[in-house]
Amino acid sequence: MKDYLGVLQLLKRFGIYVYTGNRKDDIDMVQSEVKDFYDNGLLMKEDYLKAVLILRSEIAKL
């Protein structure tokens, strides 16, 4: 997982597809899903932290 697309691929492994038509809303929803996966023990801490960093950098680009 190196970029935003990698985070989306991570979610696809769990059957989650995110597309709202608004990039900011997409990133917010992906962030929420990643947090839920981590809180429920489906993601390791290092994967969660990588994903959060990537998502924050994507928000900063907007």
C-alpha atoms as a PDB file:
ATOM      1  CA  MET A   1       0.000   0.000   0.000  1.00  0.00           C
ATOM      2  CA  LYS A   2       1.841   3.033  -1.285  1.00  0.00           C
ATOM      3  CA  ASP A   3      -0.860   5.430  -2.420  1.00  0.00           C
ATOM      4  CA  TYR A   4      -4.586   6.180  -2.402  1.00  0.00           C
ATOM      5  CA  LEU A   5      -5.225   3.482  -4.971  1.00  0.00           C
ATOM      6  CA  GLY A   6      -3.523   0.977  -2.673  1.00  0.00           C
ATOM      7  CA  VAL A   7      -5.887   1.952   0.150  1.00  0.00           C
ATOM      8  CA  LEU A   8      -8.847   1.424  -2.182  1.00  0.00           C
ATOM      9  CA  GLN A   9      -7.448  -1.993  -3.126  1.00  0.00           C
ATOM     10  CA  LEU A  10      -7.237  -2.835   0.576  1.00  0.00           C
ATOM     11  CA  LEU A  11     -10.926  -2.046   0.981  1.00  0.00           C
ATOM     12  CA  LYS A  12     -11.789  -4.075  -2.121  1.00  0.00           C
ATOM     13  CA  ARG A  13     -10.329  -7.168  -0.431  1.00  0.00           C
ATOM     14  CA  PHE A  14     -13.150  -6.788   2.093  1.00  0.00           C
ATOM     15  CA  GLY A  15     -15.767  -6.138  -0.594  1.00  0.00           C
ATOM     16  CA  ILE A  16     -15.989  -2.375   0.025  1.00  0.00           C
ATOM     17  CA  TYR A  17     -16.200  -0.082  -3.009  1.00  0.00           C
ATOM     18  CA  VAL A  18     -16.337   3.667  -2.380  1.00  0.00           C
ATOM     19  CA  TYR A  19     -17.438   6.177  -4.985  1.00  0.00           C
ATOM     20  CA  THR A  20     -19.672   9.144  -4.222  1.00  0.00           C
ATOM     21  CA  GLY A  21     -18.662  11.385  -7.107  1.00  0.00           C
ATOM     22  CA  ASN A  22     -16.970  13.849  -4.755  1.00  0.00           C
ATOM     23  CA  ARG A  23     -13.286  13.188  -4.029  1.00  0.00           C
ATOM     24  CA  LYS A  24     -13.331  14.759  -0.540  1.00  0.00           C
ATOM     25  CA  ASP A  25     -16.366  12.700   0.468  1.00  0.00           C
ATOM     26  CA  ASP A  26     -14.740   9.562  -0.970  1.00  0.00           C
ATOM     27  CA  ILE A  27     -11.617  10.117   1.115  1.00  0.00           C
ATOM     28  CA  ASP A  28     -13.677  10.781   4.251  1.00  0.00           C
ATOM     29  CA  MET A  29     -15.690   7.594   3.721  1.00  0.00           C
ATOM     30  CA  VAL A  30     -12.556   5.533   3.057  1.00  0.00           C
ATOM     31  CA  GLN A  31     -11.023   6.955   6.228  1.00  0.00           C
ATOM     32  CA  SER A  32     -14.111   5.938   8.187  1.00  0.00           C
ATOM     33  CA  GLU A  33     -14.045   2.400   6.756  1.00  0.00           C
ATOM     34  CA  VAL A  34     -10.337   1.970   7.510  1.00  0.00           C
ATOM     35  CA  LYS A  35     -10.903   3.102  11.095  1.00  0.00           C
ATOM     36  CA  ASP A  36     -13.799   0.666  11.482  1.00  0.00           C
ATOM     37  CA  PHE A  37     -11.651  -2.198  10.184  1.00  0.00           C
ATOM     38  CA  TYR A  38      -8.876  -1.313  12.621  1.00  0.00           C
ATOM     39  CA  ASP A  39     -11.277  -0.941  15.553  1.00  0.00           C
ATOM     40  CA  ASN A  40     -12.733  -4.374  14.792  1.00  0.00           C
ATOM     41  CA  GLY A  41      -9.303  -6.010  14.577  1.00  0.00           C
ATOM     42  CA  LEU A  42      -9.296  -6.630  10.828  1.00  0.00           C
ATOM     43  CA  LEU A  43      -6.258  -4.416  10.151  1.00  0.00           C
ATOM     44  CA  MET A  44      -2.863  -4.475  11.776  1.00  0.00           C
ATOM     45  CA  LYS A  45      -1.647  -1.274  13.389  1.00  0.00           C
ATOM     46  CA  GLU A  46       1.060  -0.619  10.790  1.00  0.00           C
ATOM     47  CA  ASP A  47      -1.412  -1.000   7.896  1.00  0.00           C
ATOM     48  CA  TYR A  48      -3.865   1.311   9.647  1.00  0.00           C
ATOM     49  CA  LEU A  49      -1.214   3.972  10.234  1.00  0.00           C
ATOM     50  CA  LYS A  50       0.010   3.761   6.627  1.00  0.00           C
ATOM     51  CA  ALA A  51      -3.529   4.151   5.339  1.00  0.00           C
ATOM     52  CA  VAL A  52      -4.231   7.128   7.610  1.00  0.00           C
ATOM     53  CA  LEU A  53      -1.032   8.837   6.459  1.00  0.00           C
ATOM     54  CA  ILE A  54      -1.905   8.282   2.809  1.00  0.00           C
ATOM     55  CA  LEU A  55      -5.455   9.576   3.302  1.00  0.00           C
ATOM     56  CA  ARG A  56      -4.253  12.665   5.155  1.00  0.00           C
ATOM     57  CA  SER A  57      -1.820  13.445   2.362  1.00  0.00           C
ATOM     58  CA  GLU A  58      -4.640  13.063  -0.188  1.00  0.00           C
ATOM     59  CA  ILE A  59      -6.780  15.525   1.782  1.00  0.00           C
ATOM     60  CA  ALA A  60      -3.850  17.944   1.898  1.00  0.00           C
ATOM     61  CA  LYS A  61      -3.569  17.775  -1.902  1.00  0.00           C
ATOM     62  CA  LEU A  62      -7.144  19.015  -2.244  1.00  0.00           C
END
